[in-house]
N, C-alpha and C. Protein backbone atom coordinates (compact mmCIF):
# COMPACT_ATOMS: atom_id res chain seq x y z
N MET A 1 60.93 158.27 75.15
CA MET A 1 61.35 156.92 74.77
C MET A 1 62.85 156.93 74.42
N ARG A 2 63.15 158.18 73.57
CA ARG A 2 64.58 158.29 73.15
C ARG A 2 65.41 158.51 74.09
N ARG A 3 65.02 159.45 75.25
CA ARG A 3 65.88 159.69 76.23
C ARG A 3 66.00 158.71 77.14
N TYR A 4 65.08 157.75 77.20
CA TYR A 4 65.33 156.59 78.10
C TYR A 4 66.43 155.77 77.45
N TRP A 5 66.10 155.15 76.21
CA TRP A 5 67.24 154.62 75.57
C TRP A 5 68.50 155.32 75.39
N SER A 6 68.48 156.58 75.30
CA SER A 6 69.92 157.27 75.31
C SER A 6 70.75 156.90 76.67
N HIS A 7 69.97 156.50 77.70
CA HIS A 7 70.95 156.31 78.93
C HIS A 7 71.22 154.56 78.96
N VAL A 8 70.92 153.81 78.08
CA VAL A 8 71.16 152.46 78.16
C VAL A 8 72.22 151.94 77.14
N LEU A 9 73.22 151.25 77.70
CA LEU A 9 74.34 150.83 76.71
C LEU A 9 73.88 149.37 76.56
N ARG A 10 73.50 149.01 75.18
CA ARG A 10 72.82 147.73 74.80
C ARG A 10 73.92 146.98 74.16
N LEU A 11 74.19 145.97 74.82
CA LEU A 11 75.19 144.87 74.25
C LEU A 11 74.34 143.76 73.42
N GLY A 12 74.94 142.77 73.53
CA GLY A 12 74.07 141.47 72.94
C GLY A 12 72.96 141.15 73.49
N PRO A 13 72.12 140.38 72.63
CA PRO A 13 70.67 140.25 73.17
C PRO A 13 70.79 139.46 74.43
N ASP A 14 71.83 138.81 74.65
CA ASP A 14 71.54 138.08 76.06
C ASP A 14 72.48 138.62 77.24
N ALA A 15 73.05 139.73 76.79
CA ALA A 15 73.96 140.39 77.84
C ALA A 15 73.22 141.35 78.55
N CYS A 16 73.53 141.73 79.79
CA CYS A 16 73.12 143.00 80.47
C CYS A 16 73.11 144.10 79.61
N TRP A 17 71.99 145.08 79.57
CA TRP A 17 72.06 146.33 79.17
C TRP A 17 72.15 147.30 80.24
N TRP A 18 73.35 148.13 80.30
CA TRP A 18 73.73 148.68 81.58
C TRP A 18 73.02 150.04 81.39
N TRP A 19 72.57 150.57 82.63
CA TRP A 19 72.01 151.84 82.77
C TRP A 19 73.06 153.02 83.02
N ARG A 20 73.27 153.99 82.48
CA ARG A 20 74.41 154.85 82.38
C ARG A 20 74.02 156.29 83.09
N SER A 21 72.95 156.26 83.93
CA SER A 21 72.55 157.60 84.19
C SER A 21 72.52 157.50 85.69
N GLY A 22 71.71 158.20 86.45
CA GLY A 22 71.59 158.34 87.92
C GLY A 22 71.14 156.86 88.31
N LEU A 23 71.68 156.54 89.69
CA LEU A 23 71.45 155.32 90.43
C LEU A 23 70.77 155.48 91.82
N THR A 24 69.94 154.62 92.30
CA THR A 24 69.59 154.67 93.57
C THR A 24 70.59 154.07 94.67
N ASP A 25 70.10 153.97 95.94
CA ASP A 25 71.09 153.47 96.89
C ASP A 25 71.03 151.78 96.93
N THR A 26 70.11 151.26 96.05
CA THR A 26 70.15 149.88 95.69
C THR A 26 70.68 149.40 94.47
N GLY A 27 71.26 150.49 93.60
CA GLY A 27 71.69 150.07 92.43
C GLY A 27 70.87 150.28 91.37
N HIS A 28 69.60 150.32 91.35
CA HIS A 28 68.82 150.71 90.35
C HIS A 28 68.75 151.81 89.56
N GLY A 29 68.48 151.94 88.39
CA GLY A 29 68.63 153.23 87.60
C GLY A 29 67.47 154.10 88.00
N THR A 30 67.53 155.30 87.95
CA THR A 30 66.45 156.34 88.05
C THR A 30 66.22 157.22 86.64
N PHE A 31 65.13 157.39 86.45
CA PHE A 31 64.73 158.04 85.32
C PHE A 31 63.70 159.15 85.49
N ARG A 32 63.74 160.30 84.84
CA ARG A 32 62.97 161.34 85.04
C ARG A 32 61.91 161.22 83.95
N ALA A 33 60.73 160.61 84.28
CA ALA A 33 59.75 160.61 83.22
C ALA A 33 58.99 161.75 82.95
N GLY A 34 58.63 162.39 81.94
CA GLY A 34 57.82 163.52 81.75
C GLY A 34 58.86 164.88 81.59
N SER A 35 58.32 165.97 81.78
CA SER A 35 59.09 167.18 81.41
C SER A 35 58.82 168.26 82.38
N HIS A 36 60.08 168.97 82.84
CA HIS A 36 60.07 169.99 83.79
C HIS A 36 59.33 171.09 83.36
N THR A 37 59.13 171.46 81.95
CA THR A 37 58.71 172.47 81.64
C THR A 37 57.25 172.49 81.77
N THR A 38 56.65 171.33 81.54
CA THR A 38 55.00 171.17 81.71
C THR A 38 54.62 170.70 83.10
N GLN A 39 55.61 170.60 84.13
CA GLN A 39 55.44 170.33 85.44
C GLN A 39 54.72 168.85 85.42
N THR A 40 55.10 167.98 84.59
CA THR A 40 54.75 166.59 84.60
C THR A 40 55.74 165.60 85.01
N SER A 41 56.93 166.05 85.30
CA SER A 41 57.96 165.33 85.48
C SER A 41 57.85 164.45 86.90
N ARG A 42 58.54 163.33 86.78
CA ARG A 42 58.31 162.36 87.90
C ARG A 42 59.52 161.44 87.62
N VAL A 43 60.34 161.28 88.87
CA VAL A 43 61.43 160.17 88.92
C VAL A 43 60.93 158.85 89.38
N VAL A 44 61.23 157.85 88.26
CA VAL A 44 60.60 156.55 88.40
C VAL A 44 61.88 155.65 88.17
N PRO A 45 62.04 154.48 89.04
CA PRO A 45 62.99 153.41 88.59
C PRO A 45 62.88 153.14 87.02
N ALA A 46 64.13 152.96 86.54
CA ALA A 46 64.24 153.00 85.09
C ALA A 46 63.71 151.78 84.70
N HIS A 47 64.07 150.71 85.34
CA HIS A 47 63.68 149.31 85.03
C HIS A 47 61.90 149.05 85.00
N LEU A 48 61.31 149.94 85.88
CA LEU A 48 59.93 149.91 85.69
C LEU A 48 59.26 150.62 84.40
N TYR A 49 60.14 152.00 84.18
CA TYR A 49 59.81 152.55 83.05
C TYR A 49 59.94 151.56 81.84
N GLY A 50 61.00 150.92 81.70
CA GLY A 50 61.40 150.08 80.77
C GLY A 50 60.67 148.89 80.37
N TYR A 51 60.27 148.35 81.78
CA TYR A 51 59.27 147.17 81.57
C TYR A 51 57.86 147.57 80.91
N ARG A 52 57.48 148.80 81.52
CA ARG A 52 56.19 149.09 81.00
C ARG A 52 56.46 149.69 79.36
N LEU A 53 57.39 150.17 79.06
CA LEU A 53 57.76 150.29 77.46
C LEU A 53 57.33 148.81 76.92
N ALA A 54 58.15 147.85 77.22
CA ALA A 54 58.24 146.50 76.75
C ALA A 54 56.87 145.94 76.59
N HIS A 55 55.99 146.02 77.89
CA HIS A 55 54.93 145.07 78.01
C HIS A 55 53.54 145.92 78.16
N GLY A 56 53.52 147.27 78.01
CA GLY A 56 52.36 148.07 78.27
C GLY A 56 52.25 148.71 79.69
N ALA A 57 51.56 149.89 79.73
CA ALA A 57 51.39 150.51 80.92
C ALA A 57 50.94 149.85 82.00
N ASP A 58 49.98 148.91 81.78
CA ASP A 58 49.17 148.19 82.84
C ASP A 58 49.97 146.73 83.10
N ALA A 59 51.26 146.72 82.82
CA ALA A 59 51.83 145.32 82.76
C ALA A 59 51.95 144.95 84.22
N LEU A 60 52.16 145.82 85.23
CA LEU A 60 52.42 145.38 86.65
C LEU A 60 51.36 145.55 87.50
N ALA A 61 49.88 145.42 87.31
CA ALA A 61 48.81 145.43 87.93
C ALA A 61 48.88 144.41 88.99
N GLY A 62 48.27 144.90 90.03
CA GLY A 62 48.06 143.99 91.32
C GLY A 62 49.04 143.95 91.94
N GLY A 63 49.96 145.01 92.16
CA GLY A 63 51.23 144.90 93.18
C GLY A 63 52.43 144.14 92.53
N LEU A 64 52.33 143.73 91.36
CA LEU A 64 53.80 143.09 90.82
C LEU A 64 54.86 143.82 90.82
N VAL A 65 55.84 143.27 91.01
CA VAL A 65 57.39 144.03 90.51
C VAL A 65 58.15 143.36 89.61
N VAL A 66 59.22 144.16 89.09
CA VAL A 66 59.87 143.50 88.12
C VAL A 66 61.01 142.86 88.81
N ARG A 67 61.41 141.53 88.58
CA ARG A 67 62.38 140.70 89.02
C ARG A 67 63.49 140.68 87.88
N HIS A 68 64.88 140.88 88.30
CA HIS A 68 66.05 140.84 87.55
C HIS A 68 66.56 139.50 87.48
N ARG A 69 66.22 138.65 86.33
CA ARG A 69 66.93 137.26 86.37
C ARG A 69 68.52 137.23 86.51
N CYS A 70 69.12 138.37 86.02
CA CYS A 70 70.48 138.43 86.12
C CYS A 70 71.03 139.05 87.47
N ASP A 71 70.02 139.40 88.38
CA ASP A 71 70.53 140.05 89.51
C ASP A 71 71.21 141.28 89.31
N GLU A 72 71.34 141.98 88.54
CA GLU A 72 71.88 143.23 88.36
C GLU A 72 70.92 144.58 88.29
N PRO A 73 70.77 145.14 89.32
CA PRO A 73 69.51 146.07 89.46
C PRO A 73 69.73 147.04 88.25
N PRO A 74 70.71 147.51 87.70
CA PRO A 74 70.88 148.46 86.63
C PRO A 74 70.46 148.16 85.27
N CYS A 75 70.37 146.90 84.97
CA CYS A 75 70.23 145.94 83.88
C CYS A 75 68.68 146.28 83.17
N GLN A 76 68.82 146.82 82.08
CA GLN A 76 67.55 147.39 81.44
C GLN A 76 67.35 146.54 80.26
N ASN A 77 67.93 145.10 80.22
CA ASN A 77 67.45 144.30 78.89
C ASN A 77 65.99 143.49 79.51
N PRO A 78 65.12 144.01 78.55
CA PRO A 78 63.73 143.19 78.89
C PRO A 78 63.75 141.77 78.97
N ALA A 79 64.74 140.94 78.24
CA ALA A 79 64.81 139.62 78.18
C ALA A 79 65.36 139.03 79.66
N HIS A 80 65.79 140.04 80.52
CA HIS A 80 66.05 139.96 81.90
C HIS A 80 65.06 139.96 82.98
N TRP A 81 63.98 140.49 82.53
CA TRP A 81 62.98 140.87 83.29
C TRP A 81 61.96 139.87 83.46
N LEU A 82 61.19 139.89 84.69
CA LEU A 82 60.24 139.01 84.75
C LEU A 82 59.38 139.39 86.00
N ALA A 83 58.02 139.52 85.78
CA ALA A 83 57.06 140.18 86.40
C ALA A 83 56.74 139.10 87.65
N GLY A 84 56.64 139.54 88.93
CA GLY A 84 56.30 138.52 90.18
C GLY A 84 55.96 139.45 91.41
N SER A 85 55.87 138.61 92.31
CA SER A 85 55.54 139.22 93.62
C SER A 85 56.76 139.67 94.21
N ARG A 86 56.61 140.60 95.16
CA ARG A 86 57.77 140.71 96.26
C ARG A 86 58.40 139.55 96.80
N GLY A 87 57.43 138.66 97.20
CA GLY A 87 57.97 137.45 97.74
C GLY A 87 58.83 136.47 96.78
N ASP A 88 58.27 136.68 95.46
CA ASP A 88 59.13 136.06 94.38
C ASP A 88 60.38 136.53 94.52
N ASN A 89 60.39 137.75 94.33
CA ASN A 89 61.81 138.45 94.30
C ASN A 89 62.59 137.99 95.53
N ASN A 90 62.13 138.33 96.75
CA ASN A 90 63.07 137.79 97.85
C ASN A 90 63.47 136.62 97.78
N ARG A 91 62.51 135.47 97.28
CA ARG A 91 63.01 134.03 97.21
C ARG A 91 64.13 133.84 96.29
N ASP A 92 64.09 134.43 95.11
CA ASP A 92 65.14 134.54 94.09
C ASP A 92 66.49 134.90 94.92
N ALA A 93 66.32 136.09 95.72
CA ALA A 93 67.53 136.56 96.09
C ALA A 93 68.07 135.42 97.16
N ALA A 94 67.22 135.02 97.95
CA ALA A 94 67.79 134.13 99.13
C ALA A 94 68.12 132.73 98.19
N ALA A 95 67.80 132.42 97.37
CA ALA A 95 68.34 131.12 96.67
C ALA A 95 69.74 131.48 95.98
N ARG A 96 70.05 132.67 95.62
CA ARG A 96 71.28 132.93 94.78
C ARG A 96 72.19 133.75 95.61
N ARG A 97 71.99 134.35 96.69
CA ARG A 97 72.78 135.17 97.51
C ARG A 97 73.99 134.56 97.98
N HIS A 98 74.08 133.20 98.02
CA HIS A 98 75.43 132.69 98.69
C HIS A 98 76.18 131.72 97.41
N LEU A 99 75.64 132.17 96.29
CA LEU A 99 76.42 131.39 94.92
C LEU A 99 77.75 132.02 94.88
N SER A 100 78.97 131.38 94.84
CA SER A 100 80.18 132.00 94.83
C SER A 100 80.44 132.68 93.51
N GLY A 101 80.80 133.93 93.64
CA GLY A 101 81.03 134.86 92.48
C GLY A 101 79.69 135.41 91.91
N HIS A 102 78.60 135.21 92.53
CA HIS A 102 77.45 135.64 91.82
C HIS A 102 77.27 137.13 92.22
N ALA A 103 76.58 138.02 91.52
CA ALA A 103 76.21 139.51 91.62
C ALA A 103 76.00 139.81 92.97
N LEU A 104 74.98 138.88 93.54
CA LEU A 104 74.46 139.24 94.89
C LEU A 104 75.70 139.04 96.12
N THR A 105 76.79 138.49 95.65
CA THR A 105 77.81 138.39 96.77
C THR A 105 79.14 139.48 96.59
N ASP A 106 78.77 140.31 95.50
CA ASP A 106 79.82 141.38 95.49
C ASP A 106 79.97 142.09 96.62
N VAL A 107 81.28 142.28 96.99
CA VAL A 107 81.50 142.90 98.41
C VAL A 107 81.17 144.33 98.35
N ARG A 108 81.06 145.14 97.32
CA ARG A 108 80.85 146.53 97.43
C ARG A 108 79.18 146.65 97.21
N GLY A 109 78.43 145.67 97.38
CA GLY A 109 76.95 145.76 97.24
C GLY A 109 76.50 146.22 96.02
N ALA A 110 75.26 146.21 95.73
CA ALA A 110 74.59 146.39 94.55
C ALA A 110 74.76 147.77 93.83
N ALA A 111 74.93 148.58 94.75
CA ALA A 111 75.20 150.12 94.40
C ALA A 111 76.60 150.34 93.85
N GLY A 112 77.41 149.76 94.61
CA GLY A 112 78.85 149.86 94.60
C GLY A 112 79.27 149.37 93.41
N ARG A 113 78.61 148.18 93.11
CA ARG A 113 78.86 147.25 91.69
C ARG A 113 78.33 148.09 90.54
N ALA A 114 77.04 148.71 90.74
CA ALA A 114 76.68 149.41 89.44
C ALA A 114 77.47 150.73 89.28
N ARG A 115 77.76 151.30 90.17
CA ARG A 115 78.73 152.52 90.00
C ARG A 115 80.15 152.18 89.53
N ALA A 116 80.59 150.99 89.73
CA ALA A 116 81.88 150.54 89.11
C ALA A 116 81.73 150.26 87.79
N VAL A 117 80.65 149.67 87.32
CA VAL A 117 80.51 149.34 85.97
C VAL A 117 80.14 150.79 85.25
N GLN A 118 79.47 151.58 85.68
CA GLN A 118 79.29 152.80 84.93
C GLN A 118 80.66 153.69 84.95
N ALA A 119 81.49 153.33 85.94
CA ALA A 119 82.90 154.14 85.83
C ALA A 119 83.64 153.40 84.66
N ALA A 120 83.56 152.11 84.69
CA ALA A 120 84.37 151.23 83.57
C ALA A 120 83.59 151.56 82.35
N ILE A 121 82.46 151.76 82.06
CA ILE A 121 82.00 152.29 80.89
C ILE A 121 82.37 153.52 80.32
N ALA A 122 82.45 154.43 81.43
CA ALA A 122 82.80 155.83 80.99
C ALA A 122 84.25 156.01 80.66
N ALA A 123 85.07 155.10 81.35
CA ALA A 123 86.49 155.20 81.14
C ALA A 123 87.24 154.34 79.86
N ALA A 124 86.18 153.46 79.34
CA ALA A 124 86.61 152.76 78.23
C ALA A 124 86.87 153.65 76.86
N THR A 125 87.78 153.54 76.14
CA THR A 125 88.45 154.39 75.32
C THR A 125 87.75 154.23 73.99
N GLY A 126 87.05 152.94 73.82
CA GLY A 126 86.40 152.62 72.39
C GLY A 126 85.42 151.56 72.69
N PRO A 127 84.81 151.33 71.59
CA PRO A 127 83.50 150.03 71.76
C PRO A 127 84.32 148.68 72.07
N ASP A 128 85.44 148.50 71.39
CA ASP A 128 86.05 147.25 71.77
C ASP A 128 86.63 146.99 73.11
N GLU A 129 86.70 148.04 73.95
CA GLU A 129 87.25 147.79 75.23
C GLU A 129 86.02 147.87 76.28
N ILE A 130 84.89 148.11 75.77
CA ILE A 130 83.76 148.35 76.87
C ILE A 130 83.56 146.80 77.40
N GLU A 131 83.28 145.87 76.76
CA GLU A 131 82.96 144.60 77.41
C GLU A 131 83.96 144.09 78.35
N ALA A 132 85.29 144.19 77.89
CA ALA A 132 86.42 143.90 78.86
C ALA A 132 86.29 144.76 80.06
N ALA A 133 85.99 145.96 79.94
CA ALA A 133 86.04 146.85 81.23
C ALA A 133 85.04 146.54 81.99
N ILE A 134 83.80 146.24 81.57
CA ILE A 134 82.80 145.60 82.30
C ILE A 134 82.98 144.51 83.24
N ALA A 135 83.72 143.52 82.40
CA ALA A 135 84.09 142.25 82.93
C ALA A 135 85.14 142.42 84.11
N ALA A 136 86.02 143.46 84.04
CA ALA A 136 86.84 143.64 84.98
C ALA A 136 86.16 144.29 86.24
N ALA A 137 85.51 145.25 85.94
CA ALA A 137 84.73 145.87 87.10
C ALA A 137 83.76 144.90 87.71
N LEU A 138 83.07 143.82 87.08
CA LEU A 138 82.52 142.93 87.98
C LEU A 138 83.33 141.97 88.65
N ALA A 139 84.67 141.52 88.05
CA ALA A 139 85.29 140.81 88.69
C ALA A 139 85.85 141.40 89.89
N ALA A 140 86.00 142.63 89.99
CA ALA A 140 86.83 143.33 91.10
C ALA A 140 85.92 143.28 92.24
N GLY A 141 84.45 143.16 92.29
CA GLY A 141 83.75 142.89 93.40
C GLY A 141 83.87 141.40 94.13
N HIS A 142 84.85 140.42 93.55
CA HIS A 142 85.06 139.24 94.17
C HIS A 142 86.69 139.03 94.16
N PRO A 143 87.20 139.64 95.31
CA PRO A 143 88.72 139.57 95.20
C PRO A 143 89.26 138.41 95.27
N GLY A 144 88.65 137.37 95.86
CA GLY A 144 89.22 136.04 95.86
C GLY A 144 88.98 135.33 94.53
N GLY A 145 88.63 135.99 93.46
CA GLY A 145 88.53 135.42 92.13
C GLY A 145 87.59 134.51 91.81
N ALA A 146 86.55 134.48 92.75
CA ALA A 146 85.24 133.56 92.36
C ALA A 146 84.49 134.37 91.02
N HIS A 147 83.94 133.27 90.36
CA HIS A 147 83.19 133.70 89.16
C HIS A 147 82.11 132.96 89.02
N GLN A 148 80.87 133.55 88.68
CA GLN A 148 79.74 132.88 88.57
C GLN A 148 79.28 133.11 86.97
N ASP A 149 79.29 131.90 86.44
CA ASP A 149 78.83 131.80 84.86
C ASP A 149 77.48 132.09 84.71
N ALA A 150 76.94 132.61 83.36
CA ALA A 150 75.63 132.83 83.29
C ALA A 150 74.75 131.72 83.68
N LEU A 151 73.55 132.04 84.20
CA LEU A 151 72.64 131.03 84.86
C LEU A 151 71.76 130.55 83.78
N TRP A 152 71.77 131.03 82.67
CA TRP A 152 70.83 130.68 81.50
C TRP A 152 71.75 130.76 80.19
């Protein structure tokens, strides 16, 4: 658990908590659960690991998936997660992918957006700069200046 949380930049309770380690081509975090030395290592999506930490090992029974209310695949804030079916997840995306300035309309795609946020976090020289750096990285994906306010 400590290793998982060491890869998460936790901001305020309502903010996205950004994954600072490996990413998939869909922008989701990757996490090595287990140990190389005991041969129990397995790479899993970070948000699935985090969801099970928050809700129990059997929380996603019956083929449920973790949906991100914020539509930020690297987000690790349990308050932003909701279990549902793949169909629910697809309907979420379809309903929001055309909202001006929304995460799903970023010209870089989800992985490019996630990498830009990670680079901004790494480049920030102090804690006071991190939120502004993240905001600038997110805004860069909408060259026309479109901005989507928080949905909740």
